[in-house]
Amino acid sequence: MDYFLGAVIPYTACMVFIFGTALRVVSWLKAPVPFHLTLFPAPIGAMGRIRAIFADVLLCGSLFREDKALWLRVWLFHFSFALIIAGHIAGIYYLRDQFVLIGLTHEASHTLSRFSGAIAGVIITISLLLLLWGRLANPIVRKLSVPEDFFTLLLLISIAVTGILMHLPGFRVNISEVRSFMGRLIFFEPSALPRSPMFIAHFLLVNLLLIYFPFSRLLHSVGYFVNRVMLTEAAPIYPTPATKTLRSPFAEVKAEPDASLSRRETLDREALHP
């Protein structure tokens, strides 16, 4: 059972996550685009496009302009999620001694690591609960919601809650055991899971999220950048210059019908020469 939970499931989850996401991206890029997607005003130059992308990613500017209340909930979720990912990587690798690098003592680093992790966990849980409440409280949004929306939110809330509980007495996990387990897992030398029921629950929920991710709406985090790749042409200029290829055959100017012809003859000509 240890091998199944600590090796088969995580390796399967990672493979589904990587290959499933890659296949979805490839399918998007291969999809026909009858019209070039445009932005207005279009960013100028490569650096302009990069600034536009990162400004929207970091600040969710387009959502802020549309719905400030929803923006706050979404931004808090994304911000705390980024902190949690960074905290997991640094905290596990340095055994909570990452703040020693900026001059703190080992004890202070451990305390700050636990405290910041717990705060980030509380923030992401609150933001997820607010997003869930927003779907339930608004009749229109509730009607448009599908079971997948609620499943995604409940799964993320479960992951956040089990993560928070591991900071409490009675549920704490030995970080050295976690580091050893994760390190051996990464280098394909799987070992037994740490003996912590809360960690096992948290770990299995994260693996479920990895398997579910490529087939869920959470893939918008990847699709956003694919969409930006497809934004290849600036806003159109009218009238189209004679030297520029028309954007679409629908933009071609059709000759006026000859007034001397009957309607039947005109329709016949259009059928033969559309």
C-alpha atoms as a PDB file:
ATOM      1  CA  MET A   1       0.000   0.000   0.000  1.00  0.00           C
ATOM      2  CA  ASP A   2       2.888   2.378   0.789  1.00  0.00           C
ATOM      3  CA  TYR A   3       4.328   1.834  -2.686  1.00  0.00           C
ATOM      4  CA  PHE A   4       0.948   2.438  -4.301  1.00  0.00           C
ATOM      5  CA  LEU A   5       0.257   5.637  -2.341  1.00  0.00           C
ATOM      6  CA  GLY A   6       3.822   6.938  -2.362  1.00  0.00           C
ATOM      7  CA  ALA A   7       4.949   5.980  -5.875  1.00  0.00           C
ATOM      8  CA  VAL A   8       2.253   4.726  -8.259  1.00  0.00           C
ATOM      9  CA  ILE A   9      -0.227   7.519  -7.560  1.00  0.00           C
ATOM     10  CA  PRO A  10       2.213  10.481  -7.682  1.00  0.00           C
ATOM     11  CA  TYR A  11       4.011   9.254 -10.807  1.00  0.00           C
ATOM     12  CA  THR A  12       0.693   8.593 -12.531  1.00  0.00           C
ATOM     13  CA  ALA A  13      -0.597  12.012 -11.483  1.00  0.00           C
ATOM     14  CA  CYS A  14       2.507  13.769 -12.825  1.00  0.00           C
ATOM     15  CA  MET A  15       2.313  11.933 -16.149  1.00  0.00           C
ATOM     16  CA  VAL A  16      -1.374  12.768 -16.583  1.00  0.00           C
ATOM     17  CA  PHE A  17      -0.678  16.388 -15.637  1.00  0.00           C
ATOM     18  CA  ILE A  18       2.259  16.844 -18.045  1.00  0.00           C
ATOM     19  CA  PHE A  19       0.974  14.917 -21.047  1.00  0.00           C
ATOM     20  CA  GLY A  20      -2.655  15.955 -20.563  1.00  0.00           C
ATOM     21  CA  THR A  21      -1.713  19.636 -20.421  1.00  0.00           C
ATOM     22  CA  ALA A  22       0.620  19.298 -23.415  1.00  0.00           C
ATOM     23  CA  LEU A  23      -2.069  17.605 -25.506  1.00  0.00           C
ATOM     24  CA  ARG A  24      -4.597  20.306 -24.666  1.00  0.00           C
ATOM     25  CA  VAL A  25      -2.140  23.045 -25.632  1.00  0.00           C
ATOM     26  CA  VAL A  26      -1.248  21.301 -28.907  1.00  0.00           C
ATOM     27  CA  SER A  27      -4.940  20.909 -29.746  1.00  0.00           C
ATOM     28  CA  TRP A  28      -5.457  24.640 -29.175  1.00  0.00           C
ATOM     29  CA  LEU A  29      -2.513  25.611 -31.350  1.00  0.00           C
ATOM     30  CA  LYS A  30      -3.671  23.302 -34.147  1.00  0.00           C
ATOM     31  CA  ALA A  31      -7.228  24.616 -34.128  1.00  0.00           C
ATOM     32  CA  PRO A  32      -8.039  26.677 -37.242  1.00  0.00           C
ATOM     33  CA  VAL A  33      -8.260  30.423 -36.680  1.00  0.00           C
ATOM     34  CA  PRO A  34     -10.466  31.916 -39.431  1.00  0.00           C
ATOM     35  CA  PHE A  35      -9.813  35.438 -38.182  1.00  0.00           C
ATOM     36  CA  HIS A  36      -6.663  36.755 -36.550  1.00  0.00           C
ATOM     37  CA  LEU A  37      -7.345  37.677 -32.944  1.00  0.00           C
ATOM     38  CA  THR A  38      -6.459  41.269 -32.174  1.00  0.00           C
ATOM     39  CA  LEU A  39      -5.939  43.563 -29.223  1.00  0.00           C
ATOM     40  CA  PHE A  40      -6.824  47.225 -29.133  1.00  0.00           C
ATOM     41  CA  PRO A  41      -4.773  49.140 -28.370  1.00  0.00           C
ATOM     42  CA  ALA A  42      -2.123  46.641 -29.451  1.00  0.00           C
ATOM     43  CA  PRO A  43       1.153  46.592 -27.433  1.00  0.00           C
ATOM     44  CA  ILE A  44       4.085  47.898 -29.460  1.00  0.00           C
ATOM     45  CA  GLY A  45       7.119  45.648 -29.808  1.00  0.00           C
ATOM     46  CA  ALA A  46       8.193  42.518 -27.955  1.00  0.00           C
ATOM     47  CA  MET A  47       8.802  44.327 -24.656  1.00  0.00           C
ATOM     48  CA  GLY A  48       5.400  45.968 -24.899  1.00  0.00           C
ATOM     49  CA  ARG A  49       3.744  42.582 -25.292  1.00  0.00           C
ATOM     50  CA  ILE A  50       5.751  41.145 -22.383  1.00  0.00           C
ATOM     51  CA  ARG A  51       4.778  44.075 -20.138  1.00  0.00           C
ATOM     52  CA  ALA A  52       1.122  43.706 -21.098  1.00  0.00           C
ATOM     53  CA  ILE A  53       1.138  39.987 -20.312  1.00  0.00           C
ATOM     54  CA  PHE A  54       2.857  40.289 -16.936  1.00  0.00           C
ATOM     55  CA  ALA A  55       0.773  43.301 -15.907  1.00  0.00           C
ATOM     56  CA  ASP A  56      -2.396  41.321 -16.564  1.00  0.00           C
ATOM     57  CA  VAL A  57      -1.018  38.178 -14.904  1.00  0.00           C
ATOM     58  CA  LEU A  58       0.239  39.929 -11.759  1.00  0.00           C
ATOM     59  CA  LEU A  59      -2.572  42.448 -11.329  1.00  0.00           C
ATOM     60  CA  CYS A  60      -5.514  40.903 -13.241  1.00  0.00           C
ATOM     61  CA  GLY A  61      -6.111  44.344 -14.722  1.00  0.00           C
ATOM     62  CA  SER A  62      -8.816  43.312 -17.176  1.00  0.00           C
ATOM     63  CA  LEU A  63     -10.890  41.772 -14.364  1.00  0.00           C
ATOM     64  CA  PHE A  64     -10.320  44.829 -12.144  1.00  0.00           C
ATOM     65  CA  ARG A  65     -11.924  47.043 -14.776  1.00  0.00           C
ATOM     66  CA  GLU A  66     -14.980  44.781 -15.017  1.00  0.00           C
ATOM     67  CA  ASP A  67     -15.748  43.649 -11.442  1.00  0.00           C
ATOM     68  CA  LYS A  68     -13.667  44.968  -8.541  1.00  0.00           C
ATOM     69  CA  ALA A  69     -15.276  42.720  -5.902  1.00  0.00           C
ATOM     70  CA  LEU A  70     -14.594  39.580  -7.928  1.00  0.00           C
ATOM     71  CA  TRP A  71     -11.130  40.917  -8.752  1.00  0.00           C
ATOM     72  CA  LEU A  72     -10.247  41.117  -5.047  1.00  0.00           C
ATOM     73  CA  ARG A  73     -11.269  37.509  -4.400  1.00  0.00           C
ATOM     74  CA  VAL A  74      -9.464  36.214  -7.497  1.00  0.00           C
ATOM     75  CA  TRP A  75      -6.318  38.263  -6.865  1.00  0.00           C
ATOM     76  CA  LEU A  76      -6.091  37.113  -3.239  1.00  0.00           C
ATOM     77  CA  PHE A  77      -6.396  33.506  -4.396  1.00  0.00           C
ATOM     78  CA  HIS A  78      -3.674  33.810  -7.035  1.00  0.00           C
ATOM     79  CA  PHE A  79      -1.351  35.806  -4.765  1.00  0.00           C
ATOM     80  CA  SER A  80      -1.632  33.412  -1.828  1.00  0.00           C
ATOM     81  CA  PHE A  81      -1.327  30.410  -4.173  1.00  0.00           C
ATOM     82  CA  ALA A  82       1.968  31.779  -5.512  1.00  0.00           C
ATOM     83  CA  LEU A  83       3.227  32.310  -1.942  1.00  0.00           C
ATOM     84  CA  ILE A  84       2.253  28.759  -0.986  1.00  0.00           C
ATOM     85  CA  ILE A  85       4.060  27.207  -3.967  1.00  0.00           C
ATOM     86  CA  ALA A  86       7.197  29.257  -3.244  1.00  0.00           C
ATOM     87  CA  GLY A  87       6.923  28.427   0.454  1.00  0.00           C
ATOM     88  CA  HIS A  88       6.607  24.704  -0.200  1.00  0.00           C
ATOM     89  CA  ILE A  89       9.702  24.677  -2.407  1.00  0.00           C
ATOM     90  CA  ALA A  90      11.859  26.807  -0.097  1.00  0.00           C
ATOM     91  CA  GLY A  91      10.528  25.425   3.182  1.00  0.00           C
ATOM     92  CA  ILE A  92      10.980  21.771   2.260  1.00  0.00           C
ATOM     93  CA  TYR A  93      14.363  22.279   0.580  1.00  0.00           C
ATOM     94  CA  TYR A  94      15.834  24.369   3.418  1.00  0.00           C
ATOM     95  CA  LEU A  95      13.937  22.559   6.202  1.00  0.00           C
ATOM     96  CA  ARG A  96      12.331  25.899   7.160  1.00  0.00           C
ATOM     97  CA  ASP A  97      15.783  27.531   7.398  1.00  0.00           C
ATOM     98  CA  GLN A  98      15.255  29.662   4.276  1.00  0.00           C
ATOM     99  CA  PHE A  99      15.076  32.879   6.311  1.00  0.00           C
ATOM    100  CA  VAL A 100      18.530  32.189   7.740  1.00  0.00           C
ATOM    101  CA  LEU A 101      19.745  33.415   4.345  1.00  0.00           C
ATOM    102  CA  ILE A 102      18.561  36.937   5.255  1.00  0.00           C
ATOM    103  CA  GLY A 103      20.136  36.904   8.720  1.00  0.00           C
ATOM    104  CA  LEU A 104      17.514  35.345  11.010  1.00  0.00           C
ATOM    105  CA  THR A 105      18.329  32.653  13.542  1.00  0.00           C
ATOM    106  CA  HIS A 106      17.262  29.056  12.973  1.00  0.00           C
ATOM    107  CA  GLU A 107      14.509  29.349  15.576  1.00  0.00           C
ATOM    108  CA  ALA A 108      13.205  32.617  14.115  1.00  0.00           C
ATOM    109  CA  SER A 109      13.305  31.164  10.607  1.00  0.00           C
ATOM    110  CA  HIS A 110      11.293  28.117  11.682  1.00  0.00           C
ATOM    111  CA  THR A 111       8.713  30.316  13.435  1.00  0.00           C
ATOM    112  CA  LEU A 112       8.401  32.727  10.509  1.00  0.00           C
ATOM    113  CA  SER A 113       8.157  29.843   8.038  1.00  0.00           C
ATOM    114  CA  ARG A 114       5.299  28.231   9.969  1.00  0.00           C
ATOM    115  CA  PHE A 115       3.558  31.569  10.544  1.00  0.00           C
ATOM    116  CA  SER A 116       3.786  32.762   6.918  1.00  0.00           C
ATOM    117  CA  GLY A 117       2.650  29.367   5.641  1.00  0.00           C
ATOM    118  CA  ALA A 118      -0.345  29.368   7.967  1.00  0.00           C
ATOM    119  CA  ILE A 119      -1.280  32.947   7.008  1.00  0.00           C
ATOM    120  CA  ALA A 120      -1.060  32.154   3.289  1.00  0.00           C
ATOM    121  CA  GLY A 121      -3.198  29.059   3.891  1.00  0.00           C
ATOM    122  CA  VAL A 122      -5.841  31.098   5.729  1.00  0.00           C
ATOM    123  CA  ILE A 123      -5.901  33.753   2.982  1.00  0.00           C
ATOM    124  CA  ILE A 124      -6.325  31.217   0.181  1.00  0.00           C
ATOM    125  CA  THR A 125      -9.050  29.408   2.144  1.00  0.00           C
ATOM    126  CA  ILE A 126     -10.959  32.655   2.738  1.00  0.00           C
ATOM    127  CA  SER A 127     -10.636  33.642  -0.927  1.00  0.00           C
ATOM    128  CA  LEU A 128     -11.917  30.225  -2.041  1.00  0.00           C
ATOM    129  CA  LEU A 129     -14.841  30.394   0.386  1.00  0.00           C
ATOM    130  CA  LEU A 130     -15.697  33.858  -0.954  1.00  0.00           C
ATOM    131  CA  LEU A 131     -15.567  32.542  -4.523  1.00  0.00           C
ATOM    132  CA  LEU A 132     -17.873  29.683  -3.506  1.00  0.00           C
ATOM    133  CA  TRP A 133     -20.214  32.113  -1.763  1.00  0.00           C
ATOM    134  CA  GLY A 134     -20.242  34.302  -4.887  1.00  0.00           C
ATOM    135  CA  ARG A 135     -21.474  31.366  -6.962  1.00  0.00           C
ATOM    136  CA  LEU A 136     -24.169  30.459  -4.450  1.00  0.00           C
ATOM    137  CA  ALA A 137     -25.366  33.950  -3.492  1.00  0.00           C
ATOM    138  CA  ASN A 138     -25.826  35.339  -6.992  1.00  0.00           C
ATOM    139  CA  PRO A 139     -28.879  33.697  -8.639  1.00  0.00           C
ATOM    140  CA  ILE A 140     -27.595  34.313 -12.166  1.00  0.00           C
ATOM    141  CA  VAL A 141     -24.115  32.954 -11.455  1.00  0.00           C
ATOM    142  CA  ARG A 142     -25.614  29.996  -9.580  1.00  0.00           C
ATOM    143  CA  LYS A 143     -27.802  29.164 -12.575  1.00  0.00           C
ATOM    144  CA  LEU A 144     -24.827  29.334 -14.942  1.00  0.00           C
ATOM    145  CA  SER A 145     -22.601  27.228 -12.667  1.00  0.00           C
ATOM    146  CA  VAL A 146     -22.083  23.531 -13.334  1.00  0.00           C
ATOM    147  CA  PRO A 147     -21.108  20.761 -10.867  1.00  0.00           C
ATOM    148  CA  GLU A 148     -17.504  20.999 -12.075  1.00  0.00           C
ATOM    149  CA  ASP A 149     -17.260  24.559 -10.719  1.00  0.00           C
ATOM    150  CA  PHE A 150     -18.254  23.480  -7.217  1.00  0.00           C
ATOM    151  CA  PHE A 151     -16.086  20.352  -7.327  1.00  0.00           C
ATOM    152  CA  THR A 152     -13.038  22.446  -8.228  1.00  0.00           C
ATOM    153  CA  LEU A 153     -13.620  24.907  -5.398  1.00  0.00           C
ATOM    154  CA  LEU A 154     -14.296  22.163  -2.833  1.00  0.00           C
ATOM    155  CA  LEU A 155     -11.164  20.269  -3.909  1.00  0.00           C
ATOM    156  CA  LEU A 156      -9.016  23.394  -3.542  1.00  0.00           C
ATOM    157  CA  ILE A 157     -10.600  24.189  -0.169  1.00  0.00           C
ATOM    158  CA  SER A 158      -9.898  20.628   1.035  1.00  0.00           C
ATOM    159  CA  ILE A 159      -6.244  20.939   0.021  1.00  0.00           C
ATOM    160  CA  ALA A 160      -5.945  24.293   1.784  1.00  0.00           C
ATOM    161  CA  VAL A 161      -7.640  23.097   4.988  1.00  0.00           C
ATOM    162  CA  THR A 162      -5.511  19.943   5.286  1.00  0.00           C
ATOM    163  CA  GLY A 163      -2.442  22.110   4.719  1.00  0.00           C
ATOM    164  CA  ILE A 164      -3.470  24.480   7.520  1.00  0.00           C
ATOM    165  CA  LEU A 165      -4.203  21.618   9.915  1.00  0.00           C
ATOM    166  CA  MET A 166      -0.624  20.370   9.535  1.00  0.00           C
ATOM    167  CA  HIS A 167       0.480  23.550  11.334  1.00  0.00           C
ATOM    168  CA  LEU A 168      -1.578  22.695  14.419  1.00  0.00           C
ATOM    169  CA  PRO A 169      -0.447  20.581  17.392  1.00  0.00           C
ATOM    170  CA  GLY A 170      -1.432  16.956  16.948  1.00  0.00           C
ATOM    171  CA  PHE A 171      -1.289  17.145  13.150  1.00  0.00           C
ATOM    172  CA  ARG A 172       2.230  18.460  12.611  1.00  0.00           C
ATOM    173  CA  VAL A 173       4.441  16.531  10.230  1.00  0.00           C
ATOM    174  CA  ASN A 174       8.193  16.028  10.483  1.00  0.00           C
ATOM    175  CA  ILE A 175       9.557  18.300   7.759  1.00  0.00           C
ATOM    176  CA  SER A 176      12.748  16.216   7.499  1.00  0.00           C
ATOM    177  CA  GLU A 177      10.677  13.154   6.617  1.00  0.00           C
ATOM    178  CA  VAL A 178       8.786  15.155   3.994  1.00  0.00           C
ATOM    179  CA  ARG A 179      12.021  16.427   2.461  1.00  0.00           C
ATOM    180  CA  SER A 180      13.484  12.923   2.343  1.00  0.00           C
ATOM    181  CA  PHE A 181      10.307  11.501   0.827  1.00  0.00           C
ATOM    182  CA  MET A 182       9.967  14.229  -1.818  1.00  0.00           C
ATOM    183  CA  GLY A 183      13.661  14.133  -2.705  1.00  0.00           C
ATOM    184  CA  ARG A 184      13.657  10.387  -3.253  1.00  0.00           C
ATOM    185  CA  LEU A 185      10.406  10.669  -5.206  1.00  0.00           C
ATOM    186  CA  ILE A 186      11.896  13.288  -7.550  1.00  0.00           C
ATOM    187  CA  PHE A 187      14.965  11.131  -8.224  1.00  0.00           C
ATOM    188  CA  PHE A 188      12.832   8.018  -8.843  1.00  0.00           C
ATOM    189  CA  GLU A 189      13.800   6.313  -5.593  1.00  0.00           C
ATOM    190  CA  PRO A 190      10.398   6.263  -3.861  1.00  0.00           C
ATOM    191  CA  SER A 191      10.244   5.547  -0.156  1.00  0.00           C
ATOM    192  CA  ALA A 192       7.509   5.155   2.445  1.00  0.00           C
ATOM    193  CA  LEU A 193       5.180   8.071   3.086  1.00  0.00           C
ATOM    194  CA  PRO A 194       5.690  10.082   6.303  1.00  0.00           C
ATOM    195  CA  ARG A 195       3.548   8.620   9.088  1.00  0.00           C
ATOM    196  CA  SER A 196       1.106  11.491   9.278  1.00  0.00           C
ATOM    197  CA  PRO A 197      -2.555  10.899   8.316  1.00  0.00           C
ATOM    198  CA  MET A 198      -3.036  14.614   7.628  1.00  0.00           C
ATOM    199  CA  PHE A 199       0.001  14.742   5.333  1.00  0.00           C
ATOM    200  CA  ILE A 200      -1.190  11.633   3.470  1.00  0.00           C
ATOM    201  CA  ALA A 201      -4.643  13.200   2.990  1.00  0.00           C
ATOM    202  CA  HIS A 202      -3.072  16.461   1.798  1.00  0.00           C
ATOM    203  CA  PHE A 203      -0.683  14.620  -0.520  1.00  0.00           C
ATOM    204  CA  LEU A 204      -3.416  12.487  -2.107  1.00  0.00           C
ATOM    205  CA  LEU A 205      -5.674  15.513  -2.635  1.00  0.00           C
ATOM    206  CA  VAL A 206      -2.841  17.327  -4.419  1.00  0.00           C
ATOM    207  CA  ASN A 207      -2.337  14.303  -6.675  1.00  0.00           C
ATOM    208  CA  LEU A 208      -6.057  14.279  -7.436  1.00  0.00           C
ATOM    209  CA  LEU A 209      -5.743  17.942  -8.413  1.00  0.00           C
ATOM    210  CA  LEU A 210      -2.835  17.155 -10.764  1.00  0.00           C
ATOM    211  CA  ILE A 211      -4.878  14.443 -12.489  1.00  0.00           C
ATOM    212  CA  TYR A 212      -7.938  16.661 -12.726  1.00  0.00           C
ATOM    213  CA  PHE A 213      -6.111  19.819 -13.847  1.00  0.00           C
ATOM    214  CA  PRO A 214      -5.722  19.151 -17.626  1.00  0.00           C
ATOM    215  CA  PHE A 215      -9.439  18.412 -17.976  1.00  0.00           C
ATOM    216  CA  SER A 216     -10.752  21.262 -15.848  1.00  0.00           C
ATOM    217  CA  ARG A 217     -11.283  24.979 -16.167  1.00  0.00           C
ATOM    218  CA  LEU A 218      -8.170  25.472 -14.065  1.00  0.00           C
ATOM    219  CA  LEU A 219      -6.291  25.040 -17.329  1.00  0.00           C
ATOM    220  CA  HIS A 220      -7.109  28.700 -18.037  1.00  0.00           C
ATOM    221  CA  SER A 221      -3.811  29.473 -16.294  1.00  0.00           C
ATOM    222  CA  VAL A 222      -2.067  27.832 -19.255  1.00  0.00           C
ATOM    223  CA  GLY A 223      -4.647  28.821 -21.846  1.00  0.00           C
ATOM    224  CA  TYR A 224      -4.100  32.501 -21.056  1.00  0.00           C
ATOM    225  CA  PHE A 225      -0.567  32.353 -22.429  1.00  0.00           C
ATOM    226  CA  VAL A 226      -1.615  30.258 -25.423  1.00  0.00           C
ATOM    227  CA  ASN A 227      -4.255  32.876 -26.182  1.00  0.00           C
ATOM    228  CA  ARG A 228      -1.574  35.564 -26.059  1.00  0.00           C
ATOM    229  CA  VAL A 229       0.546  33.581 -28.501  1.00  0.00           C
ATOM    230  CA  MET A 230      -2.394  33.599 -30.917  1.00  0.00           C
ATOM    231  CA  LEU A 231      -2.685  37.399 -30.738  1.00  0.00           C
ATOM    232  CA  THR A 232      -0.497  37.849 -33.779  1.00  0.00           C
ATOM    233  CA  GLU A 233      -1.934  40.875 -35.546  1.00  0.00           C
ATOM    234  CA  ALA A 234      -2.558  44.444 -34.465  1.00  0.00           C
ATOM    235  CA  ALA A 235      -5.949  46.074 -34.781  1.00  0.00           C
ATOM    236  CA  PRO A 236      -7.031  46.493 -38.433  1.00  0.00           C
ATOM    237  CA  ILE A 237      -6.728  49.790 -40.291  1.00  0.00           C
ATOM    238  CA  TYR A 238      -9.494  50.834 -42.642  1.00  0.00           C
ATOM    239  CA  PRO A 239      -9.428  51.234 -45.522  1.00  0.00           C
ATOM    240  CA  THR A 240      -7.008  48.384 -46.055  1.00  0.00           C
ATOM    241  CA  PRO A 241      -3.890  49.576 -47.951  1.00  0.00           C
ATOM    242  CA  ALA A 242      -3.568  48.208 -51.472  1.00  0.00           C
ATOM    243  CA  THR A 243      -0.260  46.546 -50.579  1.00  0.00           C
ATOM    244  CA  LYS A 244      -1.715  44.679 -47.602  1.00  0.00           C
ATOM    245  CA  THR A 245      -3.308  41.250 -47.939  1.00  0.00           C
ATOM    246  CA  LEU A 246      -6.957  41.285 -46.986  1.00  0.00           C
ATOM    247  CA  ARG A 247      -7.636  39.798 -43.572  1.00  0.00           C
ATOM    248  CA  SER A 248     -10.488  37.635 -44.811  1.00  0.00           C
ATOM    249  CA  PRO A 249     -12.229  36.754 -48.062  1.00  0.00           C
ATOM    250  CA  PHE A 250     -15.333  38.244 -46.474  1.00  0.00           C
ATOM    251  CA  ALA A 251     -13.616  41.648 -46.667  1.00  0.00           C
ATOM    252  CA  GLU A 252     -13.375  41.543 -50.456  1.00  0.00           C
ATOM    253  CA  VAL A 253     -15.313  44.251 -52.216  1.00  0.00           C
ATOM    254  CA  LYS A 254     -17.837  42.655 -54.541  1.00  0.00           C
ATOM    255  CA  ALA A 255     -18.732  44.285 -57.849  1.00  0.00           C
ATOM    256  CA  GLU A 256     -22.100  45.953 -58.070  1.00  0.00           C
ATOM    257  CA  PRO A 257     -24.620  43.861 -60.065  1.00  0.00           C
ATOM    258  CA  ASP A 258     -25.299  44.975 -63.631  1.00  0.00           C
ATOM    259  CA  ALA A 259     -28.607  46.838 -63.628  1.00  0.00           C
ATOM    260  CA  SER A 260     -29.357  45.636 -67.161  1.00  0.00           C
ATOM    261  CA  LEU A 261     -29.474  42.006 -66.041  1.00  0.00           C
ATOM    262  CA  SER A 262     -32.554  40.368 -64.640  1.00  0.00           C
ATOM    263  CA  ARG A 263     -32.540  39.169 -61.011  1.00  0.00           C
ATOM    264  CA  ARG A 264     -32.436  35.543 -62.207  1.00  0.00           C
ATOM    265  CA  GLU A 265     -29.345  36.217 -64.365  1.00  0.00           C
ATOM    266  CA  THR A 266     -27.660  38.066 -61.502  1.00  0.00           C
ATOM    267  CA  LEU A 267     -28.234  35.171 -59.076  1.00  0.00           C
ATOM    268  CA  ASP A 268     -26.959  32.697 -61.670  1.00  0.00           C
ATOM    269  CA  ARG A 269     -23.760  34.705 -62.137  1.00  0.00           C
ATOM    270  CA  GLU A 270     -23.187  34.969 -58.377  1.00  0.00           C
ATOM    271  CA  ALA A 271     -23.663  31.213 -58.053  1.00  0.00           C
ATOM    272  CA  LEU A 272     -21.079  30.570 -60.770  1.00  0.00           C
ATOM    273  CA  HIS A 273     -18.650  33.276 -59.577  1.00  0.00           C
ATOM    274  CA  PRO A 274     -19.172  33.768 -55.824  1.00  0.00           C
END
